[in-house]
């Protein structure tokens, strides 16, 4: 009996101080605040931490990050903070991509620490009874060990006792500056290292790892692209009878969600007429006039991997001559730039080619009066593309001059943006056109992940005129009242 009491006391003390995966194990973990194979067998297979990504892949990611970390250095990555809409209403939570990439934890409040001596150590929030009643269960130290496969785990209240000693023993510290929290940045040990100039942003390391996607990641990205293409196609077919920016935004989100997307990758850009010339237009509150084009830039998120594509079309069913002339130039540039995608080239090289092609085309059409950069940038101030992955502008610290490699996913998105007040021939005023595709770099060249989405003038006009959804008179009248 005395021996049993002593063991219980030792275990209780051990839990208070923190636990190690090698010292404790349990198979009785239930709800941990996010899907697991036990609670969501329809989403996860055995051995997966998040849908499609196994615990072996997460461990491999951490090991690769440790290989990039200099000897005797430390990496600290905090989960993204919860952002509040009001004092009691939070925005939908999205985890920081770096934190999720190395842990698989989709919840707020945690802190991941990586070091050569101990591997992954996670500091986890402790939910009170009040928290559980109002928000549900959250992952704790046992989930950190059993589900996320950390080597060590502590409750967050132990951070001030444990983390300073880890920091003091390191010669350099890396952390995610975007999600840095005062929980650790105000520690004296952290401040001392920072003042010595030995603190760096970890994004340069994590972005490097995330740049080339694994087969499992590419499978998720292809599904995300497929969902986005199907949703956008349905929205195009919907546009002739519901020519309103807000309704089309709602339609595309509905179609994405109904096909399994967890959220939109960003607020859809739905610019009708001259609104299409505003590159990141987001109001989506205008009726689309008969004869105007609509530019829709959209993407969805499927189990942490996003898609991003753009199509421009006339909801009325036909391009005007001026619209078609501009559209054809953008389409040919899109196709030519996609053909340049292959290992060894770079986004910057493709961009430079697109600038030359568009500048020549704009001059022939008569909307570019001189060859100066300022005049060209007024028509198209954007890059030809960007990297894509867990974030819309993924691996942002990786240079666009970097030669592309198999497994990298980029966008190709030439465009032209002409405000209604521009000094160009009248038939071109108030036109915004962008055609954006996702391109996977392969060993032999490329694969267009959004290739199923129509972009030829003839195909688009045929779709709008012959396959658009028809609504009844009563529905039509209701929509007119609602949008007036």
Protein backbone atom coordinates (compact mmCIF):
# COMPACT_ATOMS: atom_id res chain seq x y z
CA UNK A 1 0.00 0.00 0.00
CA UNK A 2 2.84 2.41 0.88
CA UNK A 3 4.58 1.63 -2.41
CA UNK A 4 1.35 2.29 -4.35
CA UNK A 5 0.83 5.66 -2.59
CA UNK A 6 4.44 6.62 -3.28
CA UNK A 7 4.02 5.82 -7.01
CA UNK A 8 0.82 7.83 -7.21
CA UNK A 9 2.52 10.79 -5.52
CA UNK A 10 5.51 10.55 -7.87
CA UNK A 11 3.24 10.48 -10.90
CA UNK A 12 1.26 13.48 -9.63
CA UNK A 13 4.47 15.44 -9.10
CA UNK A 14 5.75 14.42 -12.53
CA UNK A 15 2.58 15.72 -14.21
CA UNK A 16 2.90 19.04 -12.42
CA UNK A 17 6.46 19.49 -13.62
CA UNK A 18 5.93 18.34 -17.19
CA UNK A 19 5.99 14.98 -18.89
CA UNK A 20 8.01 13.15 -21.49
CA UNK A 21 6.66 10.88 -24.22
CA UNK A 22 9.13 8.24 -23.12
CA UNK A 23 8.01 8.41 -19.50
CA UNK A 24 4.26 8.30 -20.00
CA UNK A 25 1.82 6.88 -22.49
CA UNK A 26 -1.95 6.55 -22.69
CA UNK A 27 -4.33 5.32 -25.34
CA UNK A 28 -7.40 6.79 -23.65
CA UNK A 29 -7.37 10.27 -25.17
CA UNK A 30 -10.81 11.27 -26.39
CA UNK A 31 -11.82 14.68 -27.69
CA UNK A 32 -8.75 16.91 -27.95
CA UNK A 33 -10.38 19.88 -29.65
CA UNK A 34 -9.60 18.83 -33.23
CA UNK A 35 -10.31 15.79 -35.41
CA UNK A 36 -8.41 12.56 -34.76
CA UNK A 37 -8.75 9.11 -36.36
CA UNK A 38 -10.74 8.02 -33.30
CA UNK A 39 -13.26 10.88 -33.34
CA UNK A 40 -13.39 11.57 -37.10
CA UNK A 41 -12.65 8.32 -38.97
CA UNK A 42 -14.34 9.83 -42.04
CA UNK A 43 -11.57 12.47 -42.19
CA UNK A 44 -8.40 10.83 -40.88
CA UNK A 45 -6.79 7.46 -41.33
CA UNK A 46 -4.90 5.76 -38.54
CA UNK A 47 -1.48 7.37 -38.16
CA UNK A 48 -2.57 10.77 -39.49
CA UNK A 49 -2.37 13.86 -37.30
CA UNK A 50 -4.24 16.05 -39.77
CA UNK A 51 -6.16 14.80 -42.82
CA UNK A 52 -3.70 13.44 -45.36
CA UNK A 53 -0.56 14.11 -43.29
CA UNK A 54 0.89 11.32 -41.13
CA UNK A 55 2.75 11.64 -37.86
CA UNK A 56 5.85 10.35 -39.69
CA UNK A 57 5.70 13.34 -42.03
CA UNK A 58 5.38 15.77 -39.14
CA UNK A 59 8.36 14.16 -37.40
CA UNK A 60 10.32 14.34 -40.65
CA UNK A 61 9.52 18.06 -40.98
CA UNK A 62 10.84 18.72 -37.48
CA UNK A 63 13.98 16.73 -38.13
CA UNK A 64 14.64 18.73 -41.30
CA UNK A 65 14.13 21.97 -39.40
CA UNK A 66 16.58 20.79 -36.76
CA UNK A 67 19.09 20.09 -39.52
CA UNK A 68 18.76 23.72 -40.64
CA UNK A 69 19.11 25.07 -37.11
CA UNK A 70 22.71 25.95 -36.23
CA UNK A 71 24.30 23.92 -33.47
CA UNK A 72 23.30 24.97 -29.95
CA UNK A 73 20.39 27.12 -31.21
CA UNK A 74 16.72 27.15 -30.31
CA UNK A 75 13.52 27.66 -32.31
CA UNK A 76 10.32 29.04 -30.75
CA UNK A 77 7.07 29.05 -32.74
CA UNK A 78 3.83 30.24 -31.18
CA UNK A 79 0.34 29.42 -32.37
CA UNK A 80 -1.49 32.34 -33.97
CA UNK A 81 -3.46 34.44 -31.47
CA UNK A 82 -7.25 34.49 -31.42
CA UNK A 83 -8.53 37.68 -33.05
CA UNK A 84 -11.73 39.17 -31.70
CA UNK A 85 -14.62 40.60 -33.69
CA UNK A 86 -16.20 42.01 -30.51
CA UNK A 87 -15.37 41.65 -26.83
CA UNK A 88 -16.95 38.19 -26.74
CA UNK A 89 -17.12 37.10 -30.40
CA UNK A 90 -13.92 35.74 -32.00
CA UNK A 91 -13.16 35.59 -35.70
CA UNK A 92 -12.87 32.07 -37.11
CA UNK A 93 -9.50 30.78 -35.95
CA UNK A 94 -6.78 29.87 -38.42
CA UNK A 95 -3.52 28.47 -37.02
CA UNK A 96 -0.19 29.97 -37.95
CA UNK A 97 1.12 27.95 -40.89
CA UNK A 98 4.60 27.41 -39.39
CA UNK A 99 3.20 26.21 -36.06
CA UNK A 100 0.79 23.87 -37.82
CA UNK A 101 3.48 22.68 -40.24
CA UNK A 102 5.72 21.30 -37.49
CA UNK A 103 3.16 20.24 -34.88
CA UNK A 104 -0.17 19.43 -36.55
CA UNK A 105 -1.93 21.33 -33.77
CA UNK A 106 -4.81 23.40 -35.16
CA UNK A 107 -5.65 25.19 -31.91
CA UNK A 108 -4.63 28.50 -30.29
CA UNK A 109 -2.70 29.04 -27.10
CA UNK A 110 0.25 26.71 -27.62
CA UNK A 111 3.99 27.20 -28.01
CA UNK A 112 6.41 24.87 -29.79
CA UNK A 113 10.12 24.83 -28.92
CA UNK A 114 12.67 22.92 -30.98
CA UNK A 115 16.19 22.13 -29.83
CA UNK A 116 18.90 19.64 -30.71
CA UNK A 117 19.05 18.29 -27.15
CA UNK A 118 15.36 17.48 -26.68
CA UNK A 119 13.61 17.58 -30.08
CA UNK A 120 10.10 19.07 -29.83
CA UNK A 121 8.82 20.49 -26.56
CA UNK A 122 5.26 21.84 -26.47
CA UNK A 123 3.77 24.21 -23.92
CA UNK A 124 0.01 23.70 -23.93
CA UNK A 125 -2.92 25.73 -22.60
CA UNK A 126 -5.00 24.35 -19.75
CA UNK A 127 -8.74 24.60 -20.20
CA UNK A 128 -10.83 25.50 -17.17
CA UNK A 129 -14.27 24.01 -16.61
CA UNK A 130 -15.71 27.35 -17.79
CA UNK A 131 -13.67 27.13 -21.01
CA UNK A 132 -14.87 23.60 -21.72
CA UNK A 133 -18.51 24.54 -21.15
CA UNK A 134 -18.35 27.54 -23.50
CA UNK A 135 -15.76 26.47 -26.08
CA UNK A 136 -15.29 22.73 -25.78
CA UNK A 137 -12.25 20.58 -25.13
CA UNK A 138 -8.73 21.68 -26.05
CA UNK A 139 -5.50 19.78 -26.54
CA UNK A 140 -3.34 19.56 -23.42
CA UNK A 141 -0.01 18.04 -22.48
CA UNK A 142 -1.16 14.45 -23.04
CA UNK A 143 -2.37 15.30 -26.56
CA UNK A 144 0.99 16.99 -27.20
CA UNK A 145 2.71 13.68 -26.48
CA UNK A 146 0.24 11.14 -27.77
CA UNK A 147 -1.26 12.93 -30.79
CA UNK A 148 1.37 15.46 -31.86
CA UNK A 149 4.32 13.22 -30.87
CA UNK A 150 6.29 15.83 -28.93
CA UNK A 151 9.23 14.57 -26.88
CA UNK A 152 8.34 16.82 -23.93
CA UNK A 153 5.23 18.74 -22.87
CA UNK A 154 4.42 21.23 -20.14
CA UNK A 155 1.31 23.17 -19.18
CA UNK A 156 1.61 26.83 -20.20
CA UNK A 157 1.78 27.92 -16.55
CA UNK A 158 5.19 26.21 -16.31
CA UNK A 159 6.66 28.25 -19.18
CA UNK A 160 8.35 30.85 -16.95
CA UNK A 161 9.98 28.08 -14.96
CA UNK A 162 11.20 25.99 -17.88
CA UNK A 163 11.78 28.11 -20.99
CA UNK A 164 14.36 30.57 -19.52
CA UNK A 165 16.79 27.72 -18.85
CA UNK A 166 16.36 26.50 -22.42
CA UNK A 167 17.06 30.00 -23.76
CA UNK A 168 20.08 30.59 -21.50
CA UNK A 169 21.81 27.49 -22.82
CA UNK A 170 21.48 28.45 -26.51
CA UNK A 171 23.85 30.59 -28.58
CA UNK A 172 21.23 31.72 -31.12
CA UNK A 173 17.45 31.92 -31.02
CA UNK A 174 14.99 31.76 -33.92
CA UNK A 175 11.32 32.61 -33.53
CA UNK A 176 8.25 33.45 -35.57
CA UNK A 177 8.12 37.24 -35.35
CA UNK A 178 4.58 37.40 -36.76
CA UNK A 179 3.06 35.35 -33.97
CA UNK A 180 5.47 36.29 -31.18
CA UNK A 181 3.71 36.66 -27.83
CA UNK A 182 4.68 38.54 -24.71
CA UNK A 183 4.41 35.24 -22.88
CA UNK A 184 7.99 34.54 -23.90
CA UNK A 185 9.34 37.76 -25.45
CA UNK A 186 9.13 39.55 -22.08
CA UNK A 187 11.21 36.90 -20.35
CA UNK A 188 14.54 38.29 -19.13
CA UNK A 189 16.37 35.43 -20.83
CA UNK A 190 14.78 36.27 -24.19
CA UNK A 191 15.46 39.98 -23.79
CA UNK A 192 19.12 39.28 -23.02
CA UNK A 193 19.56 37.21 -26.19
CA UNK A 194 17.69 39.82 -28.23
CA UNK A 195 19.89 42.66 -26.98
CA UNK A 196 22.97 40.67 -27.98
CA UNK A 197 21.67 40.51 -31.58
CA UNK A 198 21.31 36.73 -31.56
CA UNK A 199 17.58 36.54 -32.36
CA UNK A 200 16.42 35.90 -35.93
CA UNK A 201 13.16 35.30 -37.76
CA UNK A 202 12.57 31.59 -38.29
CA UNK A 203 10.54 32.16 -41.47
CA UNK A 204 13.71 31.98 -43.57
CA UNK A 205 14.08 28.36 -42.42
CA UNK A 206 10.46 27.23 -42.37
CA UNK A 207 9.69 28.87 -45.72
CA UNK A 208 12.58 26.91 -47.19
CA UNK A 209 11.07 23.66 -45.96
CA UNK A 210 7.56 24.55 -47.10
CA UNK A 211 8.70 25.65 -50.59
CA UNK A 212 8.81 22.13 -52.05
CA UNK A 213 5.67 20.13 -51.36
CA UNK A 214 5.60 16.46 -50.45
CA UNK A 215 3.38 13.99 -52.34
CA UNK A 216 0.87 14.15 -49.47
CA UNK A 217 0.79 17.95 -49.62
CA UNK A 218 0.36 17.93 -53.39
CA UNK A 219 -2.60 15.57 -53.09
CA UNK A 220 -4.31 18.05 -50.75
CA UNK A 221 -3.44 20.99 -53.02
CA UNK A 222 -4.87 19.21 -56.06
CA UNK A 223 -8.10 18.57 -54.19
CA UNK A 224 -8.24 22.21 -53.09
CA UNK A 225 -7.78 23.29 -56.71
CA UNK A 226 -10.42 20.87 -57.93
CA UNK A 227 -12.95 22.18 -55.40
CA UNK A 228 -12.20 25.78 -56.39
CA UNK A 229 -12.59 25.02 -60.11
CA UNK A 230 -15.92 23.29 -59.63
CA UNK A 231 -17.17 26.10 -57.41
CA UNK A 232 -16.10 28.84 -59.80
CA UNK A 233 -17.63 27.02 -62.77
CA UNK A 234 -20.97 26.78 -60.97
CA UNK A 235 -20.71 30.47 -60.12
CA UNK A 236 -20.08 31.41 -63.74
CA UNK A 237 -23.19 29.49 -64.76
CA UNK A 238 -25.09 31.33 -62.03
CA UNK A 239 -23.94 34.79 -63.10
CA UNK A 240 -26.26 35.41 -66.04
CA UNK A 241 -29.35 35.21 -63.86
CA UNK A 242 -27.80 36.68 -60.69
CA UNK A 243 -25.49 39.49 -61.92
CA UNK A 244 -24.61 40.88 -58.51
CA UNK A 245 -21.15 40.87 -56.92
CA UNK A 246 -22.39 39.89 -53.46
CA UNK A 247 -24.52 37.03 -54.74
CA UNK A 248 -21.67 35.62 -56.78
CA UNK A 249 -19.36 35.85 -53.75
CA UNK A 250 -21.93 33.97 -51.68
CA UNK A 251 -22.42 31.39 -54.42
CA UNK A 252 -18.75 30.56 -54.80
CA UNK A 253 -18.26 30.19 -51.05
CA UNK A 254 -21.33 27.97 -50.78
CA UNK A 255 -20.08 25.72 -53.59
CA UNK A 256 -16.62 25.45 -52.00
CA UNK A 257 -18.05 24.57 -48.61
CA UNK A 258 -20.46 22.00 -50.03
CA UNK A 259 -17.49 20.23 -51.65
CA UNK A 260 -15.52 19.93 -48.41
CA UNK A 261 -13.51 23.15 -48.11
CA UNK A 262 -13.16 24.37 -44.54
CA UNK A 263 -13.02 28.05 -45.48
CA UNK A 264 -12.17 30.45 -48.27
CA UNK A 265 -8.47 31.14 -48.79
CA UNK A 266 -9.30 34.85 -48.80
CA UNK A 267 -12.31 37.09 -49.26
CA UNK A 268 -13.26 36.58 -52.92
CA UNK A 269 -12.62 39.47 -55.29
CA UNK A 270 -15.78 39.91 -57.35
CA UNK A 271 -15.31 43.05 -59.43
CA UNK A 272 -17.95 43.95 -61.97
CA UNK A 273 -17.11 46.54 -64.62
CA UNK A 274 -14.57 49.11 -63.44
CA UNK A 275 -14.43 47.42 -60.01
CA UNK A 276 -12.42 44.72 -61.76
CA UNK A 277 -9.62 47.25 -62.21
CA UNK A 278 -9.15 47.41 -58.40
CA UNK A 279 -6.67 44.59 -57.83
CA UNK A 280 -7.73 43.63 -54.29
CA UNK A 281 -11.33 44.83 -54.55
CA UNK A 282 -13.31 43.43 -51.61
CA UNK A 283 -16.57 45.35 -51.22
CA UNK A 284 -18.56 43.03 -53.51
CA UNK A 285 -21.67 45.20 -53.14
CA UNK A 286 -22.48 46.35 -56.67
CA UNK A 287 -24.93 45.22 -59.33
CA UNK A 288 -23.10 44.12 -62.50
CA UNK A 289 -24.26 46.14 -65.48
CA UNK A 290 -25.32 44.45 -68.69
CA UNK A 291 -22.32 44.30 -71.01
CA UNK A 292 -19.73 44.57 -68.21
CA UNK A 293 -17.17 41.93 -67.40
CA UNK A 294 -16.81 40.46 -63.92
CA UNK A 295 -13.41 39.50 -62.54
CA UNK A 296 -13.49 36.85 -59.82
CA UNK A 297 -10.33 36.00 -57.89
CA UNK A 298 -11.03 33.20 -55.43
CA UNK A 299 -9.61 30.18 -53.68
CA UNK A 300 -10.50 27.83 -50.86
CA UNK A 301 -8.69 26.03 -48.07
CA UNK A 302 -8.81 22.25 -47.92
CA UNK A 303 -7.25 20.82 -44.76
CA UNK A 304 -4.74 23.68 -44.47
CA UNK A 305 -3.78 23.90 -48.17
CA UNK A 306 -5.12 26.68 -50.35
CA UNK A 307 -6.03 27.26 -53.97
CA UNK A 308 -5.99 30.53 -55.91
CA UNK A 309 -7.41 31.18 -59.38
CA UNK A 310 -9.03 33.97 -61.36
CA UNK A 311 -11.39 34.08 -64.32
CA UNK A 312 -12.93 37.06 -66.08
CA UNK A 313 -16.15 36.73 -68.09
CA UNK A 314 -19.23 38.60 -69.34
CA UNK A 315 -22.33 37.55 -67.35
CA UNK A 316 -24.45 38.82 -70.26
CA UNK A 317 -22.99 36.04 -72.41
CA UNK A 318 -20.75 37.81 -74.93
CA UNK A 319 -17.55 39.86 -74.98
CA UNK A 320 -17.57 43.23 -76.72
CA UNK A 321 -14.90 43.71 -79.39
CA UNK A 322 -12.77 45.85 -77.07
CA UNK A 323 -13.11 43.39 -74.18
CA UNK A 324 -12.24 40.45 -76.39
CA UNK A 325 -9.20 42.21 -77.81
CA UNK A 326 -7.78 42.83 -74.33
CA UNK A 327 -8.85 39.42 -73.07
CA UNK A 328 -7.07 37.62 -75.91
CA UNK A 329 -3.81 39.43 -75.09
CA UNK A 330 -4.05 38.38 -71.44
CA UNK A 331 -4.99 34.82 -72.42
CA UNK A 332 -2.06 34.44 -74.80
CA UNK A 333 0.28 35.82 -72.14
CA UNK A 334 -1.15 33.36 -69.61
CA UNK A 335 -0.55 30.42 -71.97
CA UNK A 336 2.93 31.53 -73.00
CA UNK A 337 4.03 32.03 -69.40
CA UNK A 338 2.67 28.63 -68.36
CA UNK A 339 4.72 27.05 -71.16
CA UNK A 340 7.84 28.60 -69.57
CA UNK A 341 7.20 26.81 -66.27
CA UNK A 342 9.81 24.11 -65.71
CA UNK A 343 12.65 23.22 -63.34
CA UNK A 344 15.49 25.73 -63.57
CA UNK A 345 13.50 28.80 -64.59
CA UNK A 346 12.28 31.33 -62.01
CA UNK A 347 9.20 33.41 -61.34
CA UNK A 348 11.28 36.52 -62.04
CA UNK A 349 12.30 35.25 -65.49
CA UNK A 350 8.68 34.41 -66.30
CA UNK A 351 7.63 37.83 -65.03
CA UNK A 352 10.16 39.62 -67.22
CA UNK A 353 8.90 37.70 -70.25
CA UNK A 354 5.29 38.63 -69.41
CA UNK A 355 6.17 42.32 -69.11
CA UNK A 356 7.78 42.31 -72.56
CA UNK A 357 4.81 40.51 -74.09
CA UNK A 358 2.17 42.71 -72.46
CA UNK A 359 4.06 45.94 -73.12
CA UNK A 360 4.24 45.08 -76.81
CA UNK A 361 0.57 44.09 -76.88
CA UNK A 362 -0.60 47.21 -75.02
CA UNK A 363 1.28 49.39 -77.51
CA UNK A 364 -0.23 47.61 -80.52
CA UNK A 365 -3.74 47.98 -79.07
CA UNK A 366 -3.13 51.66 -78.36
CA UNK A 367 -3.48 51.83 -74.60
CA UNK A 368 0.26 52.22 -73.89
CA UNK A 369 1.53 55.44 -75.39
CA UNK A 370 5.17 55.09 -74.34
CA UNK A 371 7.46 52.32 -73.16
CA UNK A 372 8.19 53.82 -69.74
CA UNK A 373 7.83 51.62 -66.68
CA UNK A 374 5.46 54.05 -64.98
CA UNK A 375 3.01 53.95 -67.89
CA UNK A 376 3.14 50.15 -67.99
CA UNK A 377 2.73 49.77 -64.21
CA UNK A 378 -0.41 51.89 -64.31
CA UNK A 379 -1.91 49.16 -66.48
CA UNK A 380 -0.44 46.20 -64.60
CA UNK A 381 1.45 46.77 -61.32
CA UNK A 382 1.46 43.10 -60.26
CA UNK A 383 3.92 40.23 -60.49
CA UNK A 384 3.19 37.41 -62.90
CA UNK A 385 2.76 35.06 -59.95
CA UNK A 386 3.72 33.85 -56.49
CA UNK A 387 4.32 30.65 -54.54
CA UNK A 388 1.29 28.77 -53.21
CA UNK A 389 0.82 26.29 -50.37
CA UNK A 390 -0.45 26.59 -46.81
CA UNK A 391 -0.65 30.35 -47.35
CA UNK A 392 -1.85 32.20 -50.45
CA UNK A 393 1.53 33.93 -50.79
CA UNK A 394 3.45 30.95 -49.50
CA UNK A 395 7.16 30.85 -48.63
CA UNK A 396 7.31 34.62 -48.98
CA UNK A 397 10.96 34.81 -47.91
CA UNK A 398 12.05 32.62 -50.85
CA UNK A 399 13.26 34.86 -53.66
CA UNK A 400 11.43 35.00 -56.99
CA UNK A 401 14.91 34.67 -58.53
CA UNK A 402 15.23 31.13 -57.14
CA UNK A 403 15.32 28.47 -59.88
CA UNK A 404 12.12 26.45 -59.63
CA UNK A 405 12.24 22.80 -58.58
CA UNK A 406 9.84 19.86 -58.90
CA UNK A 407 7.24 20.04 -56.15
CA UNK A 408 6.97 23.83 -56.12
CA UNK A 409 3.52 25.27 -56.86
CA UNK A 410 3.17 28.77 -58.31
CA UNK A 411 0.48 30.93 -59.85
CA UNK A 412 0.56 32.48 -63.32
CA UNK A 413 -1.72 35.53 -63.39
CA UNK A 414 -1.24 38.18 -66.09
CA UNK A 415 -3.73 41.02 -66.05
CA UNK A 416 -4.68 44.52 -67.12
CA UNK A 417 -6.47 47.06 -64.93
CA UNK A 418 -7.92 50.15 -66.61
CA UNK A 419 -10.00 52.53 -64.44
CA UNK A 420 -13.01 54.22 -66.04
CA UNK A 421 -11.18 57.57 -65.87
CA UNK A 422 -8.08 56.40 -67.76
CA UNK A 423 -6.80 58.29 -70.78
CA UNK A 424 -7.24 55.39 -73.21
CA UNK A 425 -9.66 54.77 -76.09
CA UNK A 426 -13.19 54.72 -74.71
CA UNK A 427 -13.89 51.08 -75.60
CA UNK A 428 -11.16 49.97 -73.15
CA UNK A 429 -12.10 52.16 -70.18
CA UNK A 430 -13.33 50.53 -66.99
CA UNK A 431 -12.03 47.09 -67.87
CA UNK A 432 -10.20 44.78 -65.49
CA UNK A 433 -9.04 41.38 -66.73
CA UNK A 434 -6.98 38.72 -65.00
CA UNK A 435 -6.56 35.04 -65.87
CA UNK A 436 -4.88 33.11 -63.07
CA UNK A 437 -3.91 29.45 -62.96
CA UNK A 438 -2.08 27.25 -60.49
CA UNK A 439 0.96 25.45 -61.87
CA UNK A 440 2.87 22.57 -60.30
CA UNK A 441 6.49 22.26 -61.38
CA UNK A 442 7.23 18.63 -62.30
CA UNK A 443 10.38 16.72 -63.25
CA UNK A 444 9.59 17.11 -66.94
CA UNK A 445 7.90 20.52 -66.94
CA UNK A 446 4.59 21.48 -65.40
CA UNK A 447 1.03 20.46 -64.53
CA UNK A 448 -1.77 23.03 -64.52
CA UNK A 449 -3.79 22.24 -61.41
CA UNK A 450 -6.63 24.51 -62.55
CA UNK A 451 -6.61 23.20 -66.12
CA UNK A 452 -10.24 22.06 -65.90
CA UNK A 453 -11.45 25.66 -65.61
CA UNK A 454 -12.46 27.13 -69.03
CA UNK A 455 -10.72 30.30 -70.22
CA UNK A 456 -11.14 30.38 -74.02
CA UNK A 457 -13.56 33.06 -75.25
CA UNK A 458 -15.65 30.55 -77.21
CA UNK A 459 -15.90 28.14 -74.31
CA UNK A 460 -16.90 30.85 -71.86
CA UNK A 461 -19.58 32.33 -74.12
CA UNK A 462 -20.97 28.87 -74.85
CA UNK A 463 -21.16 28.04 -71.16
CA UNK A 464 -22.89 31.27 -70.20
CA UNK A 465 -25.40 31.16 -73.07
CA UNK A 466 -26.19 27.46 -73.22
CA UNK A 467 -25.73 26.09 -69.71
CA UNK A 468 -26.63 28.91 -67.32
CA UNK A 469 -29.13 28.12 -64.59
CA UNK A 470 -32.64 29.44 -65.22
CA UNK A 471 -34.71 30.89 -62.42
CA UNK A 472 -38.45 31.40 -62.19
CA UNK A 473 -40.22 34.75 -62.49
CA UNK A 474 -41.01 34.85 -58.77
CA UNK A 475 -37.37 34.23 -57.84
CA UNK A 476 -36.27 36.84 -60.36
CA UNK A 477 -38.53 39.48 -58.82
CA UNK A 478 -37.30 38.68 -55.31
CA UNK A 479 -33.68 39.08 -56.36
CA UNK A 480 -34.39 42.41 -58.05
CA UNK A 481 -36.00 43.73 -54.88
CA UNK A 482 -33.19 42.44 -52.70
CA UNK A 483 -30.48 44.02 -54.85
CA UNK A 484 -32.17 47.34 -55.55
